[in-house]
């Protein structure tokens, strides 16, 4: 899961700079909280690098730019006494509010994870406010997952930010955010315009294919996550890793394991078995007691701060635009 272990936002918290329109929210809702919730940890997987202009972590909450079926929207989520406040701006404000409980992790049930290892139990206690977000949209999360294929986190984040700045429009509301690229814009963009943004031809063609087939892909949100993963993998260029990354976020799937990740097997094996190196088969063997909740275990390990011993050289980021 490229970059998903990163703690979101400035740890000290910052005020969000003024921008956009000064009008009040078009819609607002409040949701009760019955257990602790850490919005920053929960929403961290939705941010693709510290410069991602589609999301901001601020002292007054988390701000997200979204493209909905009803139009663009900006959504602010914040924890207040006894609950979550959600405010939305733009034509898609009502649709954004409908997605707010899933995004904030209120539809997630972390109590379903039964610890079979003392470390897992300890991480459950330390990160009791961590939830798995559910965006309810498959095509938008598939785009950054495709960009993150087989490159370093810095390469992927740089390319995603470049694409957003190239295609994204200002989001409605007071936050200076940009909307994520739309499927139509991606489908219309020729390969040679994506190359200078840091995306080589293979991933560029996949992005354009996702754009062309976005309506069909989005219809798969009505399926269960396992079936959606199977259908995604029938698309040329999408393998188990990309499909799992997308369904984990779109569905809030607590069992989506990103098989094929360069670092994940080592993290799982080191943390839970004391083995510094592992392959996918060994990772799945170690995670077998947690079937149904394996993605939650992985997420806890990612935020734990555990460092795996390194042997040999690390992958160096490339400058694809210069190739």
C-alpha atoms as a PDB file:
ATOM      1  CA  UNK A   1       0.000   0.000   0.000  1.00  0.00           C
ATOM      2  CA  UNK A   2       2.124   2.816  -1.278  1.00  0.00           C
ATOM      3  CA  UNK A   3       2.395   5.595   1.258  1.00  0.00           C
ATOM      4  CA  UNK A   4      -0.637   4.490   3.261  1.00  0.00           C
ATOM      5  CA  UNK A   5       1.377   4.071   6.426  1.00  0.00           C
ATOM      6  CA  UNK A   6       2.089   7.788   6.530  1.00  0.00           C
ATOM      7  CA  UNK A   7       0.388   9.697   9.332  1.00  0.00           C
ATOM      8  CA  UNK A   8      -1.835  12.302   7.740  1.00  0.00           C
ATOM      9  CA  UNK A   9      -1.443  16.018   8.097  1.00  0.00           C
ATOM     10  CA  UNK A  10       0.912  18.171  10.050  1.00  0.00           C
ATOM     11  CA  UNK A  11       1.211  16.499  13.481  1.00  0.00           C
ATOM     12  CA  UNK A  12       1.101  19.910  15.115  1.00  0.00           C
ATOM     13  CA  UNK A  13      -2.003  20.909  13.152  1.00  0.00           C
ATOM     14  CA  UNK A  14      -2.287  24.024  11.027  1.00  0.00           C
ATOM     15  CA  UNK A  15      -4.986  26.492  10.119  1.00  0.00           C
ATOM     16  CA  UNK A  16      -6.246  26.043   6.596  1.00  0.00           C
ATOM     17  CA  UNK A  17      -5.407  29.032   4.377  1.00  0.00           C
ATOM     18  CA  UNK A  18      -8.335  31.024   3.077  1.00  0.00           C
ATOM     19  CA  UNK A  19      -9.420  30.359  -0.466  1.00  0.00           C
ATOM     20  CA  UNK A  20     -12.398  29.594  -2.676  1.00  0.00           C
ATOM     21  CA  UNK A  21     -15.711  31.211  -1.811  1.00  0.00           C
ATOM     22  CA  UNK A  22     -16.622  32.690   1.548  1.00  0.00           C
ATOM     23  CA  UNK A  23     -20.256  31.481   1.543  1.00  0.00           C
ATOM     24  CA  UNK A  24     -21.410  29.146   4.296  1.00  0.00           C
ATOM     25  CA  UNK A  25     -21.912  25.424   3.696  1.00  0.00           C
ATOM     26  CA  UNK A  26     -24.735  24.342   1.423  1.00  0.00           C
ATOM     27  CA  UNK A  27     -25.491  21.415   3.700  1.00  0.00           C
ATOM     28  CA  UNK A  28     -24.558  20.253   7.189  1.00  0.00           C
ATOM     29  CA  UNK A  29     -25.107  17.155   9.314  1.00  0.00           C
ATOM     30  CA  UNK A  30     -24.003  15.718  12.640  1.00  0.00           C
ATOM     31  CA  UNK A  31     -23.357  12.094  13.496  1.00  0.00           C
ATOM     32  CA  UNK A  32     -23.127  10.567  16.963  1.00  0.00           C
ATOM     33  CA  UNK A  33     -19.951   8.883  18.180  1.00  0.00           C
ATOM     34  CA  UNK A  34     -20.084   5.918  20.540  1.00  0.00           C
ATOM     35  CA  UNK A  35     -16.351   5.157  20.536  1.00  0.00           C
ATOM     36  CA  UNK A  36     -13.086   7.068  19.983  1.00  0.00           C
ATOM     37  CA  UNK A  37     -12.327   8.220  16.459  1.00  0.00           C
ATOM     38  CA  UNK A  38      -9.055   9.528  15.063  1.00  0.00           C
ATOM     39  CA  UNK A  39      -9.946  11.279  11.800  1.00  0.00           C
ATOM     40  CA  UNK A  40      -6.339  11.878  10.775  1.00  0.00           C
ATOM     41  CA  UNK A  41      -5.388   8.206  11.020  1.00  0.00           C
ATOM     42  CA  UNK A  42      -8.657   7.089   9.479  1.00  0.00           C
ATOM     43  CA  UNK A  43      -8.461   9.370   6.446  1.00  0.00           C
ATOM     44  CA  UNK A  44      -4.687   9.126   5.891  1.00  0.00           C
ATOM     45  CA  UNK A  45      -5.023   6.494   3.111  1.00  0.00           C
ATOM     46  CA  UNK A  46      -7.013   9.022   1.060  1.00  0.00           C
ATOM     47  CA  UNK A  47      -4.037  11.369   0.844  1.00  0.00           C
ATOM     48  CA  UNK A  48      -1.421  10.645  -1.798  1.00  0.00           C
ATOM     49  CA  UNK A  49       1.629  12.502  -0.540  1.00  0.00           C
ATOM     50  CA  UNK A  50       1.961  15.632   1.537  1.00  0.00           C
ATOM     51  CA  UNK A  51       1.336  17.880  -1.476  1.00  0.00           C
ATOM     52  CA  UNK A  52      -1.946  16.230  -2.501  1.00  0.00           C
ATOM     53  CA  UNK A  53      -4.194  19.229  -3.318  1.00  0.00           C
ATOM     54  CA  UNK A  54      -7.446  17.237  -3.075  1.00  0.00           C
ATOM     55  CA  UNK A  55      -7.338  16.868   0.725  1.00  0.00           C
ATOM     56  CA  UNK A  56      -6.150  18.985   3.650  1.00  0.00           C
ATOM     57  CA  UNK A  57      -5.645  18.175   7.329  1.00  0.00           C
ATOM     58  CA  UNK A  58      -6.182  21.326   9.367  1.00  0.00           C
ATOM     59  CA  UNK A  59      -6.841  22.410  12.926  1.00  0.00           C
ATOM     60  CA  UNK A  60     -10.567  22.628  12.181  1.00  0.00           C
ATOM     61  CA  UNK A  61     -10.882  19.174  10.637  1.00  0.00           C
ATOM     62  CA  UNK A  62     -10.180  17.319   7.419  1.00  0.00           C
ATOM     63  CA  UNK A  63     -11.209  18.904   4.118  1.00  0.00           C
ATOM     64  CA  UNK A  64     -11.841  16.761   1.039  1.00  0.00           C
ATOM     65  CA  UNK A  65     -12.615  17.701  -2.557  1.00  0.00           C
ATOM     66  CA  UNK A  66     -14.988  15.216  -4.192  1.00  0.00           C
ATOM     67  CA  UNK A  67     -16.611  14.710  -7.566  1.00  0.00           C
ATOM     68  CA  UNK A  68     -20.094  13.260  -7.063  1.00  0.00           C
ATOM     69  CA  UNK A  69     -22.860  12.198  -9.451  1.00  0.00           C
ATOM     70  CA  UNK A  70     -24.554  15.500  -8.594  1.00  0.00           C
ATOM     71  CA  UNK A  71     -21.495  17.655  -9.207  1.00  0.00           C
ATOM     72  CA  UNK A  72     -18.358  18.808  -7.388  1.00  0.00           C
ATOM     73  CA  UNK A  73     -18.253  19.288  -3.629  1.00  0.00           C
ATOM     74  CA  UNK A  74     -15.971  20.130  -0.747  1.00  0.00           C
ATOM     75  CA  UNK A  75     -16.552  18.236   2.493  1.00  0.00           C
ATOM     76  CA  UNK A  76     -15.264  19.172   5.937  1.00  0.00           C
ATOM     77  CA  UNK A  77     -15.246  16.532   8.663  1.00  0.00           C
ATOM     78  CA  UNK A  78     -14.406  17.344  12.267  1.00  0.00           C
ATOM     79  CA  UNK A  79     -14.687  15.622  15.627  1.00  0.00           C
ATOM     80  CA  UNK A  80     -16.679  17.654  18.128  1.00  0.00           C
ATOM     81  CA  UNK A  81     -17.996  16.832  21.580  1.00  0.00           C
ATOM     82  CA  UNK A  82     -20.093  13.704  21.270  1.00  0.00           C
ATOM     83  CA  UNK A  83     -19.927  13.346  17.535  1.00  0.00           C
ATOM     84  CA  UNK A  84     -18.805  14.243  14.026  1.00  0.00           C
ATOM     85  CA  UNK A  85     -19.822  17.415  12.219  1.00  0.00           C
ATOM     86  CA  UNK A  86     -19.912  17.319   8.421  1.00  0.00           C
ATOM     87  CA  UNK A  87     -20.263  20.427   6.265  1.00  0.00           C
ATOM     88  CA  UNK A  88     -20.385  20.483   2.480  1.00  0.00           C
ATOM     89  CA  UNK A  89     -20.228  23.086  -0.265  1.00  0.00           C
ATOM     90  CA  UNK A  90     -21.071  22.941  -3.957  1.00  0.00           C
ATOM     91  CA  UNK A  91     -23.625  21.263  -6.234  1.00  0.00           C
ATOM     92  CA  UNK A  92     -22.669  17.848  -4.844  1.00  0.00           C
ATOM     93  CA  UNK A  93     -23.024  18.912  -1.201  1.00  0.00           C
ATOM     94  CA  UNK A  94     -25.910  16.579  -0.350  1.00  0.00           C
ATOM     95  CA  UNK A  95     -24.185  13.612  -2.018  1.00  0.00           C
ATOM     96  CA  UNK A  96     -20.995  14.416  -0.122  1.00  0.00           C
ATOM     97  CA  UNK A  97     -22.907  14.447   3.166  1.00  0.00           C
ATOM     98  CA  UNK A  98     -24.415  11.054   2.351  1.00  0.00           C
ATOM     99  CA  UNK A  99     -20.876   9.694   1.973  1.00  0.00           C
ATOM    100  CA  UNK A 100     -19.632  11.324   5.197  1.00  0.00           C
ATOM    101  CA  UNK A 101     -20.342   8.446   7.631  1.00  0.00           C
ATOM    102  CA  UNK A 102     -18.449   6.006   5.428  1.00  0.00           C
ATOM    103  CA  UNK A 103     -15.545   8.374   4.868  1.00  0.00           C
ATOM    104  CA  UNK A 104     -15.211   9.058   8.597  1.00  0.00           C
ATOM    105  CA  UNK A 105     -15.187   5.348   9.396  1.00  0.00           C
ATOM    106  CA  UNK A 106     -18.517   5.416  11.221  1.00  0.00           C
ATOM    107  CA  UNK A 107     -19.702   2.398   9.211  1.00  0.00           C
ATOM    108  CA  UNK A 108     -16.616   0.400  10.170  1.00  0.00           C
ATOM    109  CA  UNK A 109     -16.592  -2.071  13.063  1.00  0.00           C
ATOM    110  CA  UNK A 110     -13.073  -2.530  14.481  1.00  0.00           C
ATOM    111  CA  UNK A 111     -14.402  -4.731  17.284  1.00  0.00           C
ATOM    112  CA  UNK A 112     -14.661  -7.608  14.803  1.00  0.00           C
ATOM    113  CA  UNK A 113     -10.888  -8.019  14.917  1.00  0.00           C
ATOM    114  CA  UNK A 114      -9.905 -10.687  17.450  1.00  0.00           C
ATOM    115  CA  UNK A 115      -6.222 -10.466  18.344  1.00  0.00           C
ATOM    116  CA  UNK A 116      -4.253 -13.710  18.110  1.00  0.00           C
ATOM    117  CA  UNK A 117      -0.915 -12.002  18.740  1.00  0.00           C
ATOM    118  CA  UNK A 118       0.078  -9.724  21.656  1.00  0.00           C
ATOM    119  CA  UNK A 119       1.327  -7.045  19.265  1.00  0.00           C
ATOM    120  CA  UNK A 120      -2.020  -6.897  17.476  1.00  0.00           C
ATOM    121  CA  UNK A 121      -3.770  -6.552  20.830  1.00  0.00           C
ATOM    122  CA  UNK A 122      -1.385  -3.754  21.823  1.00  0.00           C
ATOM    123  CA  UNK A 123      -1.923  -1.901  18.547  1.00  0.00           C
ATOM    124  CA  UNK A 124      -5.692  -2.214  18.949  1.00  0.00           C
ATOM    125  CA  UNK A 125      -5.337  -0.476  22.292  1.00  0.00           C
ATOM    126  CA  UNK A 126      -2.896   2.212  21.095  1.00  0.00           C
ATOM    127  CA  UNK A 127      -4.857   3.071  17.961  1.00  0.00           C
ATOM    128  CA  UNK A 128      -8.395   2.630  19.234  1.00  0.00           C
ATOM    129  CA  UNK A 129      -9.541   5.564  17.108  1.00  0.00           C
ATOM    130  CA  UNK A 130      -8.382   4.065  13.800  1.00  0.00           C
ATOM    131  CA  UNK A 131     -11.151   3.160  11.371  1.00  0.00           C
ATOM    132  CA  UNK A 132     -11.191   2.008   7.759  1.00  0.00           C
ATOM    133  CA  UNK A 133     -12.702   4.685   5.490  1.00  0.00           C
ATOM    134  CA  UNK A 134     -15.284   3.857   2.833  1.00  0.00           C
ATOM    135  CA  UNK A 135     -15.522   6.289  -0.082  1.00  0.00           C
ATOM    136  CA  UNK A 136     -18.339   4.500  -1.899  1.00  0.00           C
ATOM    137  CA  UNK A 137     -16.653   5.359  -5.212  1.00  0.00           C
ATOM    138  CA  UNK A 138     -14.520   2.839  -7.069  1.00  0.00           C
ATOM    139  CA  UNK A 139     -13.195   4.609 -10.172  1.00  0.00           C
ATOM    140  CA  UNK A 140     -11.759   7.639  -8.293  1.00  0.00           C
ATOM    141  CA  UNK A 141      -9.689   5.461  -5.913  1.00  0.00           C
ATOM    142  CA  UNK A 142      -8.619   3.216  -8.787  1.00  0.00           C
ATOM    143  CA  UNK A 143      -6.870   6.165 -10.456  1.00  0.00           C
ATOM    144  CA  UNK A 144      -4.197   6.759  -7.762  1.00  0.00           C
ATOM    145  CA  UNK A 145      -3.859   2.998  -7.263  1.00  0.00           C
ATOM    146  CA  UNK A 146      -2.996   2.632 -10.950  1.00  0.00           C
ATOM    147  CA  UNK A 147      -0.487   5.480 -10.717  1.00  0.00           C
ATOM    148  CA  UNK A 148       1.186   3.775  -7.733  1.00  0.00           C
ATOM    149  CA  UNK A 149       1.868   0.536  -9.626  1.00  0.00           C
ATOM    150  CA  UNK A 150       5.511  -0.622  -9.454  1.00  0.00           C
ATOM    151  CA  UNK A 151       7.058   2.743  -8.606  1.00  0.00           C
ATOM    152  CA  UNK A 152       8.350   4.337  -5.429  1.00  0.00           C
ATOM    153  CA  UNK A 153       5.984   6.327  -3.225  1.00  0.00           C
ATOM    154  CA  UNK A 154       7.692   9.599  -4.142  1.00  0.00           C
ATOM    155  CA  UNK A 155       7.334   8.880  -7.871  1.00  0.00           C
ATOM    156  CA  UNK A 156       3.671   7.959  -7.494  1.00  0.00           C
ATOM    157  CA  UNK A 157       2.805  10.933  -5.323  1.00  0.00           C
ATOM    158  CA  UNK A 158       4.605  13.344  -7.618  1.00  0.00           C
ATOM    159  CA  UNK A 159       2.789  11.992 -10.675  1.00  0.00           C
ATOM    160  CA  UNK A 160      -0.617  12.081  -8.983  1.00  0.00           C
ATOM    161  CA  UNK A 161      -0.151  15.665  -7.814  1.00  0.00           C
ATOM    162  CA  UNK A 162       1.027  16.686 -11.292  1.00  0.00           C
ATOM    163  CA  UNK A 163      -2.065  15.115 -12.874  1.00  0.00           C
ATOM    164  CA  UNK A 164      -4.384  16.798 -10.379  1.00  0.00           C
ATOM    165  CA  UNK A 165      -2.767  20.181 -11.014  1.00  0.00           C
ATOM    166  CA  UNK A 166      -3.003  19.592 -14.771  1.00  0.00           C
ATOM    167  CA  UNK A 167      -6.627  18.428 -14.849  1.00  0.00           C
ATOM    168  CA  UNK A 168      -8.209  19.377 -11.527  1.00  0.00           C
ATOM    169  CA  UNK A 169     -10.506  22.380 -11.187  1.00  0.00           C
ATOM    170  CA  UNK A 170     -10.887  24.487  -8.025  1.00  0.00           C
ATOM    171  CA  UNK A 171     -13.233  22.838  -5.554  1.00  0.00           C
ATOM    172  CA  UNK A 172     -16.263  24.772  -4.295  1.00  0.00           C
ATOM    173  CA  UNK A 173     -16.247  26.278  -0.829  1.00  0.00           C
ATOM    174  CA  UNK A 174     -13.685  28.111   1.311  1.00  0.00           C
ATOM    175  CA  UNK A 175     -10.799  25.621   1.157  1.00  0.00           C
ATOM    176  CA  UNK A 176      -8.126  26.062  -1.553  1.00  0.00           C
ATOM    177  CA  UNK A 177      -8.476  22.495  -2.835  1.00  0.00           C
ATOM    178  CA  UNK A 178      -8.487  21.030  -6.328  1.00  0.00           C
ATOM    179  CA  UNK A 179     -10.979  18.428  -7.513  1.00  0.00           C
ATOM    180  CA  UNK A 180      -9.604  14.992  -8.442  1.00  0.00           C
ATOM    181  CA  UNK A 181      -9.326  14.357 -12.199  1.00  0.00           C
ATOM    182  CA  UNK A 182     -12.560  13.178 -13.796  1.00  0.00           C
ATOM    183  CA  UNK A 183     -12.815  10.022 -15.862  1.00  0.00           C
ATOM    184  CA  UNK A 184     -13.751  12.039 -18.937  1.00  0.00           C
ATOM    185  CA  UNK A 185     -10.641  14.217 -18.645  1.00  0.00           C
ATOM    186  CA  UNK A 186      -8.385  11.197 -18.241  1.00  0.00           C
ATOM    187  CA  UNK A 187      -9.943   9.374 -21.182  1.00  0.00           C
ATOM    188  CA  UNK A 188      -9.442  12.401 -23.412  1.00  0.00           C
ATOM    189  CA  UNK A 189      -5.815  12.988 -22.439  1.00  0.00           C
ATOM    190  CA  UNK A 190      -3.331  11.457 -24.913  1.00  0.00           C
ATOM    191  CA  UNK A 191      -0.361   9.489 -23.621  1.00  0.00           C
ATOM    192  CA  UNK A 192       2.201  12.084 -24.639  1.00  0.00           C
ATOM    193  CA  UNK A 193       0.591  14.608 -22.284  1.00  0.00           C
ATOM    194  CA  UNK A 194       0.834  12.210 -19.331  1.00  0.00           C
ATOM    195  CA  UNK A 195       4.511  11.371 -19.875  1.00  0.00           C
ATOM    196  CA  UNK A 196       5.795  14.826 -18.779  1.00  0.00           C
ATOM    197  CA  UNK A 197       3.677  14.408 -15.625  1.00  0.00           C
ATOM    198  CA  UNK A 198       5.681  11.329 -14.620  1.00  0.00           C
ATOM    199  CA  UNK A 199       3.565   8.481 -16.044  1.00  0.00           C
ATOM    200  CA  UNK A 200       5.081   6.124 -18.639  1.00  0.00           C
ATOM    201  CA  UNK A 201       3.032   4.650 -21.456  1.00  0.00           C
ATOM    202  CA  UNK A 202       1.880   1.460 -19.702  1.00  0.00           C
ATOM    203  CA  UNK A 203       0.299   3.252 -16.742  1.00  0.00           C
ATOM    204  CA  UNK A 204      -0.902   6.095 -18.967  1.00  0.00           C
ATOM    205  CA  UNK A 205      -2.863   3.689 -21.157  1.00  0.00           C
ATOM    206  CA  UNK A 206      -4.338   2.073 -18.055  1.00  0.00           C
ATOM    207  CA  UNK A 207      -5.457   5.464 -16.731  1.00  0.00           C
ATOM    208  CA  UNK A 208      -7.075   6.266 -20.057  1.00  0.00           C
ATOM    209  CA  UNK A 209      -8.787   2.859 -20.044  1.00  0.00           C
ATOM    210  CA  UNK A 210     -10.118   3.488 -16.529  1.00  0.00           C
ATOM    211  CA  UNK A 211     -11.454   6.806 -17.759  1.00  0.00           C
ATOM    212  CA  UNK A 212     -13.223   5.190 -20.708  1.00  0.00           C
ATOM    213  CA  UNK A 213     -14.722   2.398 -18.605  1.00  0.00           C
ATOM    214  CA  UNK A 214     -15.460   4.420 -15.473  1.00  0.00           C
ATOM    215  CA  UNK A 215     -19.249   4.060 -15.688  1.00  0.00           C
ATOM    216  CA  UNK A 216     -18.994   0.271 -15.793  1.00  0.00           C
ATOM    217  CA  UNK A 217     -16.357   0.252 -13.050  1.00  0.00           C
ATOM    218  CA  UNK A 218     -18.478   2.476 -10.836  1.00  0.00           C
ATOM    219  CA  UNK A 219     -21.457   0.130 -11.211  1.00  0.00           C
ATOM    220  CA  UNK A 220     -19.409  -2.549  -9.432  1.00  0.00           C
ATOM    221  CA  UNK A 221     -19.784  -0.696  -6.130  1.00  0.00           C
ATOM    222  CA  UNK A 222     -23.131  -2.532  -5.902  1.00  0.00           C
ATOM    223  CA  UNK A 223     -21.247  -5.849  -5.720  1.00  0.00           C
ATOM    224  CA  UNK A 224     -19.441  -7.374  -2.766  1.00  0.00           C
ATOM    225  CA  UNK A 225     -15.727  -6.457  -2.587  1.00  0.00           C
ATOM    226  CA  UNK A 226     -14.489  -9.905  -3.638  1.00  0.00           C
ATOM    227  CA  UNK A 227     -16.557  -9.888  -6.820  1.00  0.00           C
ATOM    228  CA  UNK A 228     -15.527  -6.296  -7.553  1.00  0.00           C
ATOM    229  CA  UNK A 229     -11.857  -7.304  -7.245  1.00  0.00           C
ATOM    230  CA  UNK A 230     -12.382 -10.174  -9.646  1.00  0.00           C
ATOM    231  CA  UNK A 231     -13.971  -7.899 -12.233  1.00  0.00           C
ATOM    232  CA  UNK A 232     -11.261  -5.281 -11.841  1.00  0.00           C
ATOM    233  CA  UNK A 233      -8.576  -7.885 -12.472  1.00  0.00           C
ATOM    234  CA  UNK A 234     -10.255  -8.775 -15.763  1.00  0.00           C
ATOM    235  CA  UNK A 235      -9.242  -5.316 -17.015  1.00  0.00           C
ATOM    236  CA  UNK A 236      -5.823  -5.488 -18.729  1.00  0.00           C
ATOM    237  CA  UNK A 237      -3.218  -3.792 -16.555  1.00  0.00           C
ATOM    238  CA  UNK A 238      -5.006  -4.334 -13.233  1.00  0.00           C
ATOM    239  CA  UNK A 239      -3.640  -7.071 -10.986  1.00  0.00           C
ATOM    240  CA  UNK A 240      -4.310  -8.225  -7.416  1.00  0.00           C
ATOM    241  CA  UNK A 241      -2.382  -5.339  -5.832  1.00  0.00           C
ATOM    242  CA  UNK A 242      -4.229  -2.560  -7.652  1.00  0.00           C
ATOM    243  CA  UNK A 243      -7.614  -4.230  -7.208  1.00  0.00           C
ATOM    244  CA  UNK A 244      -7.064  -4.677  -3.465  1.00  0.00           C
ATOM    245  CA  UNK A 245      -5.854  -1.104  -3.001  1.00  0.00           C
ATOM    246  CA  UNK A 246      -9.003   0.188  -4.712  1.00  0.00           C
ATOM    247  CA  UNK A 247     -11.578  -2.028  -3.011  1.00  0.00           C
ATOM    248  CA  UNK A 248     -10.029  -1.529   0.430  1.00  0.00           C
ATOM    249  CA  UNK A 249     -10.781   2.184   0.158  1.00  0.00           C
ATOM    250  CA  UNK A 250     -13.964   2.155  -1.936  1.00  0.00           C
ATOM    251  CA  UNK A 251     -15.698  -0.499   0.182  1.00  0.00           C
ATOM    252  CA  UNK A 252     -13.876  -0.049   3.480  1.00  0.00           C
ATOM    253  CA  UNK A 253     -13.059  -3.742   3.032  1.00  0.00           C
ATOM    254  CA  UNK A 254     -11.316  -5.022   6.181  1.00  0.00           C
ATOM    255  CA  UNK A 255      -9.937  -8.079   4.371  1.00  0.00           C
ATOM    256  CA  UNK A 256      -8.385  -6.630   1.181  1.00  0.00           C
ATOM    257  CA  UNK A 257      -4.716  -7.655   1.231  1.00  0.00           C
ATOM    258  CA  UNK A 258      -2.458  -5.983  -1.338  1.00  0.00           C
ATOM    259  CA  UNK A 259      -0.646  -9.029  -2.671  1.00  0.00           C
ATOM    260  CA  UNK A 260       2.334  -7.963  -4.768  1.00  0.00           C
ATOM    261  CA  UNK A 261       3.463  -5.097  -2.561  1.00  0.00           C
ATOM    262  CA  UNK A 262       7.232  -4.647  -2.419  1.00  0.00           C
ATOM    263  CA  UNK A 263       7.393  -4.056   1.346  1.00  0.00           C
ATOM    264  CA  UNK A 264       4.223  -5.424   2.941  1.00  0.00           C
ATOM    265  CA  UNK A 265       5.276  -9.096   3.301  1.00  0.00           C
ATOM    266  CA  UNK A 266       8.437  -8.055   5.142  1.00  0.00           C
ATOM    267  CA  UNK A 267       6.493  -5.795   7.515  1.00  0.00           C
ATOM    268  CA  UNK A 268       3.947  -8.493   8.342  1.00  0.00           C
ATOM    269  CA  UNK A 269       6.531 -11.231   8.808  1.00  0.00           C
ATOM    270  CA  UNK A 270       8.887  -9.087  10.888  1.00  0.00           C
ATOM    271  CA  UNK A 271       6.154  -7.741  13.161  1.00  0.00           C
ATOM    272  CA  UNK A 272       4.207 -10.953  13.699  1.00  0.00           C
ATOM    273  CA  UNK A 273       6.792 -13.724  13.147  1.00  0.00           C
ATOM    274  CA  UNK A 274      10.189 -12.095  13.742  1.00  0.00           C
ATOM    275  CA  UNK A 275      11.256 -12.869  10.170  1.00  0.00           C
ATOM    276  CA  UNK A 276      12.915 -10.007   8.305  1.00  0.00           C
ATOM    277  CA  UNK A 277      12.081 -11.335   4.837  1.00  0.00           C
ATOM    278  CA  UNK A 278       8.987 -12.972   3.390  1.00  0.00           C
ATOM    279  CA  UNK A 279       7.093 -13.434   0.161  1.00  0.00           C
ATOM    280  CA  UNK A 280       3.370 -13.092  -0.463  1.00  0.00           C
ATOM    281  CA  UNK A 281       2.675 -16.740   0.353  1.00  0.00           C
ATOM    282  CA  UNK A 282       4.361 -16.430   3.750  1.00  0.00           C
ATOM    283  CA  UNK A 283       2.536 -13.154   4.461  1.00  0.00           C
ATOM    284  CA  UNK A 284      -0.834 -14.771   3.743  1.00  0.00           C
ATOM    285  CA  UNK A 285       0.127 -17.727   5.944  1.00  0.00           C
ATOM    286  CA  UNK A 286       0.916 -15.404   8.852  1.00  0.00           C
ATOM    287  CA  UNK A 287      -2.306 -13.438   8.313  1.00  0.00           C
ATOM    288  CA  UNK A 288      -4.462 -16.586   7.999  1.00  0.00           C
ATOM    289  CA  UNK A 289      -5.827 -16.374  11.582  1.00  0.00           C
ATOM    290  CA  UNK A 290      -7.212 -12.948  10.683  1.00  0.00           C
ATOM    291  CA  UNK A 291      -9.134 -13.844   7.512  1.00  0.00           C
ATOM    292  CA  UNK A 292     -11.955 -11.350   7.274  1.00  0.00           C
ATOM    293  CA  UNK A 293      -9.895  -8.678   9.047  1.00  0.00           C
ATOM    294  CA  UNK A 294      -6.485  -8.916   7.373  1.00  0.00           C
ATOM    295  CA  UNK A 295      -6.525  -5.378   5.957  1.00  0.00           C
ATOM    296  CA  UNK A 296      -7.218  -4.024   9.435  1.00  0.00           C
ATOM    297  CA  UNK A 297      -4.220  -5.891  10.843  1.00  0.00           C
ATOM    298  CA  UNK A 298      -2.053  -4.532   8.034  1.00  0.00           C
ATOM    299  CA  UNK A 299      -3.271  -0.991   8.651  1.00  0.00           C
ATOM    300  CA  UNK A 300      -2.432  -1.270  12.353  1.00  0.00           C
ATOM    301  CA  UNK A 301       1.053  -2.488  11.465  1.00  0.00           C
ATOM    302  CA  UNK A 302       1.514   0.394   9.022  1.00  0.00           C
ATOM    303  CA  UNK A 303       0.751   3.062  11.615  1.00  0.00           C
ATOM    304  CA  UNK A 304       2.724   1.274  14.356  1.00  0.00           C
ATOM    305  CA  UNK A 305       6.064   2.796  13.379  1.00  0.00           C
ATOM    306  CA  UNK A 306       7.710  -0.645  13.180  1.00  0.00           C
ATOM    307  CA  UNK A 307      10.779  -0.592  10.949  1.00  0.00           C
ATOM    308  CA  UNK A 308      11.881  -3.694   9.087  1.00  0.00           C
ATOM    309  CA  UNK A 309      15.668  -4.353   8.896  1.00  0.00           C
ATOM    310  CA  UNK A 310      17.022  -3.344   5.500  1.00  0.00           C
ATOM    311  CA  UNK A 311      19.483  -5.385   3.477  1.00  0.00           C
ATOM    312  CA  UNK A 312      21.041  -4.175   0.240  1.00  0.00           C
ATOM    313  CA  UNK A 313      20.274  -1.054  -1.784  1.00  0.00           C
ATOM    314  CA  UNK A 314      16.863   0.581  -1.818  1.00  0.00           C
ATOM    315  CA  UNK A 315      14.956   1.385  -4.961  1.00  0.00           C
ATOM    316  CA  UNK A 316      15.898   4.802  -6.232  1.00  0.00           C
ATOM    317  CA  UNK A 317      13.129   6.992  -7.656  1.00  0.00           C
ATOM    318  CA  UNK A 318      13.300   7.675 -11.378  1.00  0.00           C
ATOM    319  CA  UNK A 319      12.435  10.844 -13.260  1.00  0.00           C
ATOM    320  CA  UNK A 320      10.075   9.384 -15.859  1.00  0.00           C
ATOM    321  CA  UNK A 321       9.356  12.768 -17.428  1.00  0.00           C
ATOM    322  CA  UNK A 322      13.038  12.952 -18.409  1.00  0.00           C
ATOM    323  CA  UNK A 323      13.161   9.509 -20.017  1.00  0.00           C
END
